[in-house]
Amino acid sequence: MYLNNYLIFLHHFLPPPYFLNYSGVPKSRRGEIWQFLAIQHRVRHRLPNKQQPPDISYKELLKQLTAQQHAILVDLGNFSHCLCSAHLKIQMYQLSRLLHDYHRDLYNHLEENEISPSLYAAPWFLTLFASQFSLGFVARVFDTIFFQGTEVIFKVALSLLSSQEERIMKCETFESIVEFLKNTLPDMTKPQMEKIMTQVFEMDISKQLHSYEVEYHVLQDELQENTNPCDDGEASEKLERANNHLKRQNMELLEKLQVAHAKIQSMESNLEDALARENKMKSLIQSLEQEKAFYQKAIEKICKYLPEEALSDCRQLLKEVNCSPSKILK
C-alpha cells in the first residue's frame, strides 16, 4: 500500500526521466517529496502514543533548538568524543569490512599506510557528506537516503572509494592519501556524480551490513570475556607495584642522566681546549707564512745582484722554499 502510494506520488510529481534514470529529484519538488517520504516512514514505523513526538508546525520548530541541532553542536564541539561513540565504531567497522570483501587491494593499501575508515569517513557519516562535498551532491545523497534508508551512506562511501581506487593506489604515503581523500575525492564532475549515484541504486549490501554488525558485537563480547576481571583491591595492588617499579626506573634514569651530564661537560671542556689549540696553530701557521713570504722577497732581491756562476746555490735554496728559480732569475 505504502509503496503504491509512493509510486503514484513519484509519477505525479516527477517527469519520467527523473524516475527512470535516477537523475535526482527536481529542486522545485524536493521539499514536497522529502516531506512525503518522511511521513511515509513515520507511518510505517509508528511509535506508541506516549513516545510519538508531537506535531509542531515548521515555524514553531524554527524558534526552537531541536535535539538534533543540540546533538550537532555537541558533535562539532567534541568531535573526538563522537569518534569514540559505539554506533560510529560499528559503522566504521562495517565500512572496513565492505572494503575488505569487495576491494581487497584498496583495503590492503590503506591498511599498509595505517589509514582506518575513522580517519576519513567519520565526517562523511556524521554530516552525511555535507562537511566536504558540494551541496548538489549532498542533496542527491539525501534524495536516496529518504528513498532507501541510511544504508545509502555506506553505498555512497564505497562507490566513492571504488571509483577512485586506481588514483588512491598511486598515492604512496600517508600524507598523500589523506590529502587525496580530503580534498581531491570530494571535487567531482557531474558525470562522475551521476555514475556514483547509479552504482548506489544498483548496489545491495543490506545482508552484509547486518552480518558485519553481528560480527562486531560478537568480537566485542569475546574481547570482554577474555579480559580478566579484578576487584578494587587487586587493581590497587597492581597500581602500587607499577608505581614502585616506575619510581625505581625513574631513579635509575636520573643517575644515568647525571653521569651523561658529567661526560658532556668533560667533552665540552676538551672541545674548548682543542679549539684553543687549533686557533693557536692557525695563528702560528699564518705567522710562518708571512715570514716565508718575507724571505722569498729578500732572496729575489739578492738574486738580481749575484753573478751567473753564483746562481746555482741560489737556485738550490729557492727549491727548498718552494719557489720557482726560473721565474725569479729571469
Protein backbone atom coordinates (compact mmCIF):
# COMPACT_ATOMS: atom_id res chain seq x y z
CA MET A 1 0.00 0.00 0.00
CA TYR A 2 2.72 2.45 1.02
CA LEU A 3 4.83 1.54 -1.99
CA ASN A 4 1.87 2.08 -4.33
CA ASN A 5 1.24 5.47 -2.79
CA TYR A 6 4.88 6.35 -3.22
CA LEU A 7 4.98 5.27 -6.89
CA ILE A 8 1.79 7.23 -7.63
CA PHE A 9 3.32 10.25 -5.93
CA LEU A 10 6.54 9.98 -7.93
CA HIS A 11 4.73 9.61 -11.26
CA HIS A 12 2.50 12.54 -10.40
CA PHE A 13 5.26 14.97 -9.37
CA LEU A 14 8.30 13.80 -11.36
CA PRO A 15 8.79 13.61 -15.12
CA PRO A 16 9.65 10.07 -16.31
CA PRO A 17 13.39 10.76 -16.93
CA TYR A 18 13.98 11.57 -13.27
CA PHE A 19 12.23 8.47 -12.06
CA LEU A 20 13.66 6.02 -14.59
CA ASN A 21 17.22 7.32 -14.98
CA TYR A 22 17.97 8.20 -11.34
CA SER A 23 18.68 11.82 -12.32
CA GLY A 24 17.67 13.11 -8.94
CA VAL A 25 14.66 14.92 -7.55
CA PRO A 26 13.97 18.31 -9.17
CA LYS A 27 14.78 21.21 -6.87
CA SER A 28 11.25 22.60 -7.19
CA ARG A 29 9.74 19.35 -5.88
CA ARG A 30 12.46 18.25 -3.45
CA GLY A 31 10.81 19.70 -0.32
CA GLU A 32 7.44 18.10 -1.06
CA ILE A 33 8.94 14.72 -1.83
CA TRP A 34 11.15 14.70 1.25
CA GLN A 35 8.16 15.61 3.40
CA PHE A 36 6.06 12.87 1.81
CA LEU A 37 8.78 10.26 2.35
CA ALA A 38 9.26 11.37 5.95
CA ILE A 39 5.52 10.98 6.57
CA GLN A 40 5.55 7.52 4.97
CA HIS A 41 8.47 6.47 7.16
CA ARG A 42 6.68 7.75 10.23
CA VAL A 43 3.55 5.81 9.32
CA ARG A 44 5.46 2.58 8.71
CA HIS A 45 7.46 2.93 11.92
CA ARG A 46 4.79 4.37 14.19
CA LEU A 47 5.77 4.58 17.85
CA PRO A 48 3.48 4.09 20.85
CA ASN A 49 1.39 7.15 21.61
CA LYS A 50 3.47 8.04 24.66
CA GLN A 51 6.67 8.03 22.59
CA GLN A 52 5.17 9.62 19.48
CA PRO A 53 6.62 13.14 19.07
CA PRO A 54 4.00 15.90 18.91
CA ASP A 55 3.13 17.57 15.61
CA ILE A 56 4.67 21.02 15.67
CA SER A 57 4.50 23.49 12.80
CA TYR A 58 7.63 24.35 10.87
CA LYS A 59 7.50 27.98 12.01
CA GLU A 60 7.45 26.88 15.63
CA LEU A 61 10.31 24.47 15.10
CA LEU A 62 12.42 27.30 13.68
CA LYS A 63 12.16 29.08 17.02
CA GLN A 64 13.43 26.07 18.97
CA LEU A 65 16.77 24.33 19.31
CA THR A 66 15.90 20.77 18.40
CA ALA A 67 17.52 17.70 19.88
CA GLN A 68 19.21 17.10 16.54
CA GLN A 69 20.63 20.63 16.47
CA HIS A 70 21.87 20.21 20.01
CA ALA A 71 23.49 16.91 19.08
CA ILE A 72 25.18 18.52 16.07
CA LEU A 73 26.54 21.33 18.23
CA VAL A 74 27.85 18.80 20.73
CA ASP A 75 29.38 16.77 17.90
CA LEU A 76 31.12 19.81 16.42
CA GLY A 77 32.40 20.91 19.81
CA ASN A 78 33.60 17.49 20.83
CA PHE A 79 34.46 15.65 17.62
CA SER A 80 36.86 13.27 19.33
CA HIS A 81 34.05 12.07 21.59
CA CYS A 82 31.93 11.30 18.53
CA LEU A 83 34.72 9.22 17.06
CA CYS A 84 34.57 7.04 20.16
CA SER A 85 30.78 6.60 20.10
CA ALA A 86 29.66 2.99 19.86
CA HIS A 87 27.40 3.50 16.86
CA LEU A 88 30.06 5.21 14.81
CA LYS A 89 32.56 2.50 15.72
CA ILE A 90 30.16 -0.10 14.33
CA GLN A 91 29.73 1.90 11.13
CA MET A 92 33.47 2.25 10.67
CA TYR A 93 33.90 -1.49 11.19
CA GLN A 94 31.18 -2.21 8.64
CA LEU A 95 32.80 0.07 6.06
CA SER A 96 36.17 -1.54 6.70
CA ARG A 97 34.67 -5.00 6.15
CA LEU A 98 32.99 -3.85 2.93
CA LEU A 99 36.34 -2.65 1.61
CA HIS A 100 37.95 -5.90 2.71
CA ASP A 101 35.38 -8.06 0.91
CA TYR A 102 34.75 -6.00 -2.23
CA HIS A 103 38.01 -4.10 -2.83
CA ARG A 104 40.78 -6.12 -1.22
CA ASP A 105 43.69 -4.35 -2.94
CA LEU A 106 42.46 -0.94 -1.87
CA TYR A 107 41.83 -2.23 1.66
CA ASN A 108 45.37 -3.61 1.91
CA HIS A 109 46.85 -0.38 0.56
CA LEU A 110 45.04 1.71 3.17
CA GLU A 111 45.95 -0.72 5.96
CA GLU A 112 49.63 -0.71 4.96
CA ASN A 113 49.63 3.07 5.33
CA GLU A 114 47.73 2.87 8.66
CA ILE A 115 44.67 4.69 7.34
CA SER A 116 41.49 3.44 9.00
CA PRO A 117 37.96 4.47 7.89
CA SER A 118 37.55 6.62 11.02
CA LEU A 119 40.31 8.87 9.70
CA TYR A 120 38.50 9.90 6.53
CA ALA A 121 34.94 8.51 6.61
CA ALA A 122 33.83 9.63 10.08
CA PRO A 123 32.96 13.17 8.84
CA TRP A 124 31.01 11.61 5.97
CA PHE A 125 28.81 9.62 8.35
CA LEU A 126 28.47 12.36 10.96
CA THR A 127 27.42 15.07 8.47
CA LEU A 128 26.01 12.91 5.65
CA PHE A 129 28.85 14.15 3.39
CA ALA A 130 27.91 17.82 3.95
CA SER A 131 31.26 18.69 5.58
CA GLN A 132 33.38 18.13 2.45
CA PHE A 133 31.19 17.60 -0.61
CA SER A 134 29.22 20.01 -2.79
CA LEU A 135 25.65 20.94 -1.94
CA GLY A 136 24.36 19.34 -5.14
CA PHE A 137 25.96 16.01 -4.27
CA VAL A 138 24.67 16.18 -0.69
CA ALA A 139 21.14 16.84 -1.96
CA ARG A 140 21.34 13.76 -4.18
CA VAL A 141 22.53 11.72 -1.21
CA PHE A 142 19.57 12.97 0.83
CA ASP A 143 17.20 12.04 -2.02
CA THR A 144 18.48 8.48 -1.89
CA ILE A 145 18.51 8.29 1.91
CA PHE A 146 14.83 9.25 2.04
CA PHE A 147 14.13 6.56 -0.56
CA GLN A 148 16.34 3.66 0.61
CA GLY A 149 17.36 4.45 4.18
CA THR A 150 20.63 5.12 5.98
CA GLU A 151 22.47 2.20 4.38
CA VAL A 152 22.86 4.58 1.43
CA ILE A 153 25.70 6.24 3.36
CA PHE A 154 27.70 3.00 3.13
CA LYS A 155 26.87 2.63 -0.56
CA VAL A 156 27.97 6.16 -1.36
CA ALA A 157 31.20 5.81 0.65
CA LEU A 158 32.03 2.50 -1.03
CA SER A 159 31.24 3.89 -4.51
CA LEU A 160 33.37 6.98 -3.90
CA LEU A 161 36.37 4.91 -2.86
CA SER A 162 35.99 2.30 -5.60
CA SER A 163 35.57 4.95 -8.32
CA GLN A 164 38.96 6.44 -7.41
CA GLU A 165 40.70 3.20 -6.44
CA GLU A 166 43.35 3.47 -9.15
CA ARG A 167 44.32 7.01 -8.16
CA ILE A 168 44.35 6.17 -4.45
CA MET A 169 46.65 3.21 -5.12
CA LYS A 170 49.13 5.59 -6.77
CA CYS A 171 49.42 7.62 -3.55
CA GLU A 172 52.34 6.04 -1.74
CA THR A 173 52.47 7.95 1.56
CA PHE A 174 50.14 8.51 4.48
CA GLU A 175 50.04 12.26 3.83
CA SER A 176 49.31 11.99 0.10
CA ILE A 177 46.45 9.51 0.66
CA VAL A 178 44.82 11.66 3.35
CA GLU A 179 45.21 14.75 1.17
CA PHE A 180 43.55 12.94 -1.75
CA LEU A 181 40.63 11.63 0.32
CA LYS A 182 40.07 15.01 1.98
CA ASN A 183 40.40 17.40 -0.97
CA THR A 184 40.58 15.62 -4.32
CA LEU A 185 37.90 12.96 -3.82
CA PRO A 186 35.06 15.43 -3.00
CA ASP A 187 35.90 17.52 -6.09
CA MET A 188 33.94 15.54 -8.69
CA THR A 189 32.33 16.38 -12.01
CA LYS A 190 28.63 15.96 -12.76
CA PRO A 191 29.18 12.79 -14.88
CA GLN A 192 31.20 11.29 -12.02
CA MET A 193 28.40 12.12 -9.58
CA GLU A 194 25.79 10.51 -11.86
CA LYS A 195 27.93 7.39 -12.17
CA ILE A 196 28.27 7.11 -8.40
CA MET A 197 24.55 7.56 -7.81
CA THR A 198 23.79 4.91 -10.45
CA GLN A 199 26.10 2.49 -8.64
CA VAL A 200 24.35 3.32 -5.36
CA PHE A 201 20.95 2.39 -6.81
CA GLU A 202 22.30 -0.87 -8.21
CA MET A 203 24.12 -1.92 -5.02
CA ASP A 204 22.56 -4.20 -2.40
CA ILE A 205 24.53 -4.62 0.81
CA SER A 206 21.75 -4.94 3.40
CA LYS A 207 22.61 -8.53 4.35
CA GLN A 208 26.33 -7.77 4.56
CA LEU A 209 25.77 -4.77 6.84
CA HIS A 210 23.62 -6.82 9.20
CA SER A 211 26.18 -9.63 9.19
CA TYR A 212 29.05 -7.22 9.92
CA GLU A 213 27.13 -5.63 12.80
CA VAL A 214 26.51 -9.04 14.38
CA GLU A 215 30.15 -9.91 13.80
CA TYR A 216 31.26 -6.71 15.52
CA HIS A 217 29.17 -7.41 18.61
CA VAL A 218 30.44 -11.00 18.78
CA LEU A 219 34.03 -9.79 18.64
CA GLN A 220 33.35 -7.22 21.36
CA ASP A 221 31.74 -9.87 23.59
CA GLU A 222 34.72 -12.19 23.10
CA LEU A 223 37.09 -9.36 23.91
CA GLN A 224 35.26 -8.63 27.15
CA GLU A 225 35.19 -12.30 28.12
CA ASN A 226 38.92 -12.66 27.54
CA THR A 227 39.63 -9.69 29.76
CA ASN A 228 40.44 -10.92 33.26
CA PRO A 229 38.30 -9.00 35.77
CA CYS A 230 39.84 -7.99 39.08
CA ASP A 231 38.41 -6.39 42.18
CA ASP A 232 39.37 -2.99 43.56
CA GLY A 233 41.94 -4.48 45.94
CA GLU A 234 43.78 -6.31 43.19
CA ALA A 235 43.66 -3.27 40.96
CA SER A 236 45.08 -1.11 43.76
CA GLU A 237 47.91 -3.58 44.38
CA LYS A 238 48.76 -3.70 40.69
CA LEU A 239 48.82 0.08 40.52
CA GLU A 240 51.05 0.23 43.61
CA ARG A 241 53.51 -2.27 42.15
CA ALA A 242 53.53 -0.45 38.86
CA ASN A 243 54.09 2.84 40.68
CA ASN A 244 57.07 1.44 42.66
CA HIS A 245 58.54 -0.04 39.52
CA LEU A 246 58.23 3.32 37.75
CA LYS A 247 59.89 5.07 40.72
CA ARG A 248 62.87 2.71 40.55
CA GLN A 249 63.15 3.25 36.82
CA ASN A 250 62.97 6.99 37.42
CA MET A 251 65.86 6.88 39.91
CA GLU A 252 67.98 4.76 37.58
CA LEU A 253 67.32 7.11 34.72
CA LEU A 254 68.18 10.09 36.93
CA GLU A 255 71.53 8.53 37.83
CA LYS A 256 72.26 7.79 34.17
CA LEU A 257 71.30 11.35 33.32
CA GLN A 258 73.75 12.76 35.88
CA VAL A 259 76.57 10.58 34.51
CA ALA A 260 75.70 11.69 30.99
CA HIS A 261 75.77 15.36 32.06
CA ALA A 262 79.24 14.87 33.59
CA LYS A 263 80.50 13.26 30.38
CA ILE A 264 79.03 16.06 28.31
CA GLN A 265 80.72 18.70 30.47
CA SER A 266 84.05 16.86 30.18
CA MET A 267 83.69 16.60 26.42
CA GLU A 268 82.76 20.27 26.16
CA SER A 269 85.88 21.20 28.16
CA ASN A 270 88.06 19.02 25.91
CA LEU A 271 86.46 20.57 22.88
CA GLU A 272 87.22 24.07 24.12
CA ASP A 273 90.89 23.11 24.70
CA ALA A 274 91.10 21.59 21.23
CA LEU A 275 89.59 24.69 19.66
CA ALA A 276 92.04 26.90 21.54
CA ARG A 277 94.98 24.79 20.33
CA GLU A 278 93.61 24.87 16.82
CA ASN A 279 93.36 28.67 16.88
CA LYS A 280 96.90 28.91 18.25
CA MET A 281 98.23 26.65 15.48
CA LYS A 282 96.38 28.67 12.86
CA SER A 283 97.96 31.85 14.20
CA LEU A 284 101.41 30.25 14.18
CA ILE A 285 100.95 28.98 10.61
CA GLN A 286 99.86 32.43 9.48
CA SER A 287 102.95 33.96 11.09
CA LEU A 288 105.22 31.41 9.41
CA GLU A 289 103.59 32.05 6.06
CA GLN A 290 104.25 35.75 6.42
CA GLU A 291 107.86 35.09 7.40
CA LYS A 292 108.28 32.77 4.42
CA ALA A 293 106.96 35.42 2.05
CA PHE A 294 109.38 37.95 3.53
CA TYR A 295 112.39 35.69 2.96
CA GLN A 296 111.31 34.91 -0.58
CA LYS A 297 111.22 38.59 -1.45
CA ALA A 298 114.63 39.05 0.14
CA ILE A 299 116.11 36.21 -1.94
CA GLU A 300 114.58 37.64 -5.10
CA LYS A 301 116.31 40.97 -4.47
CA ILE A 302 119.67 39.29 -3.75
CA CYS A 303 119.49 37.23 -6.94
CA LYS A 304 119.34 40.36 -9.04
CA TYR A 305 122.87 41.33 -7.90
CA LEU A 306 124.59 37.91 -8.00
CA PRO A 307 126.78 36.84 -10.92
CA GLU A 308 125.76 33.91 -13.10
CA GLU A 309 128.23 31.45 -11.57
CA ALA A 310 126.83 32.07 -8.06
CA LEU A 311 123.24 31.45 -9.01
CA SER A 312 123.42 27.63 -8.74
CA ASP A 313 123.48 27.82 -4.95
CA CYS A 314 120.64 30.31 -5.04
CA ARG A 315 118.53 28.03 -7.21
CA GLN A 316 119.01 25.21 -4.72
CA LEU A 317 117.89 27.46 -1.90
CA LEU A 318 114.82 28.58 -3.82
CA LYS A 319 113.81 24.96 -4.42
CA GLU A 320 113.93 24.30 -0.71
CA VAL A 321 111.47 27.17 -0.05
CA ASN A 322 109.14 26.04 -2.85
CA CYS A 323 109.88 28.96 -5.11
CA SER A 324 110.39 28.72 -8.88
CA PRO A 325 114.02 29.84 -9.54
CA SER A 326 113.44 30.29 -13.27
CA LYS A 327 110.73 32.85 -12.63
CA ILE A 328 112.90 34.84 -10.21
CA LEU A 329 116.12 34.76 -12.23
CA LYS A 330 114.61 35.96 -15.46
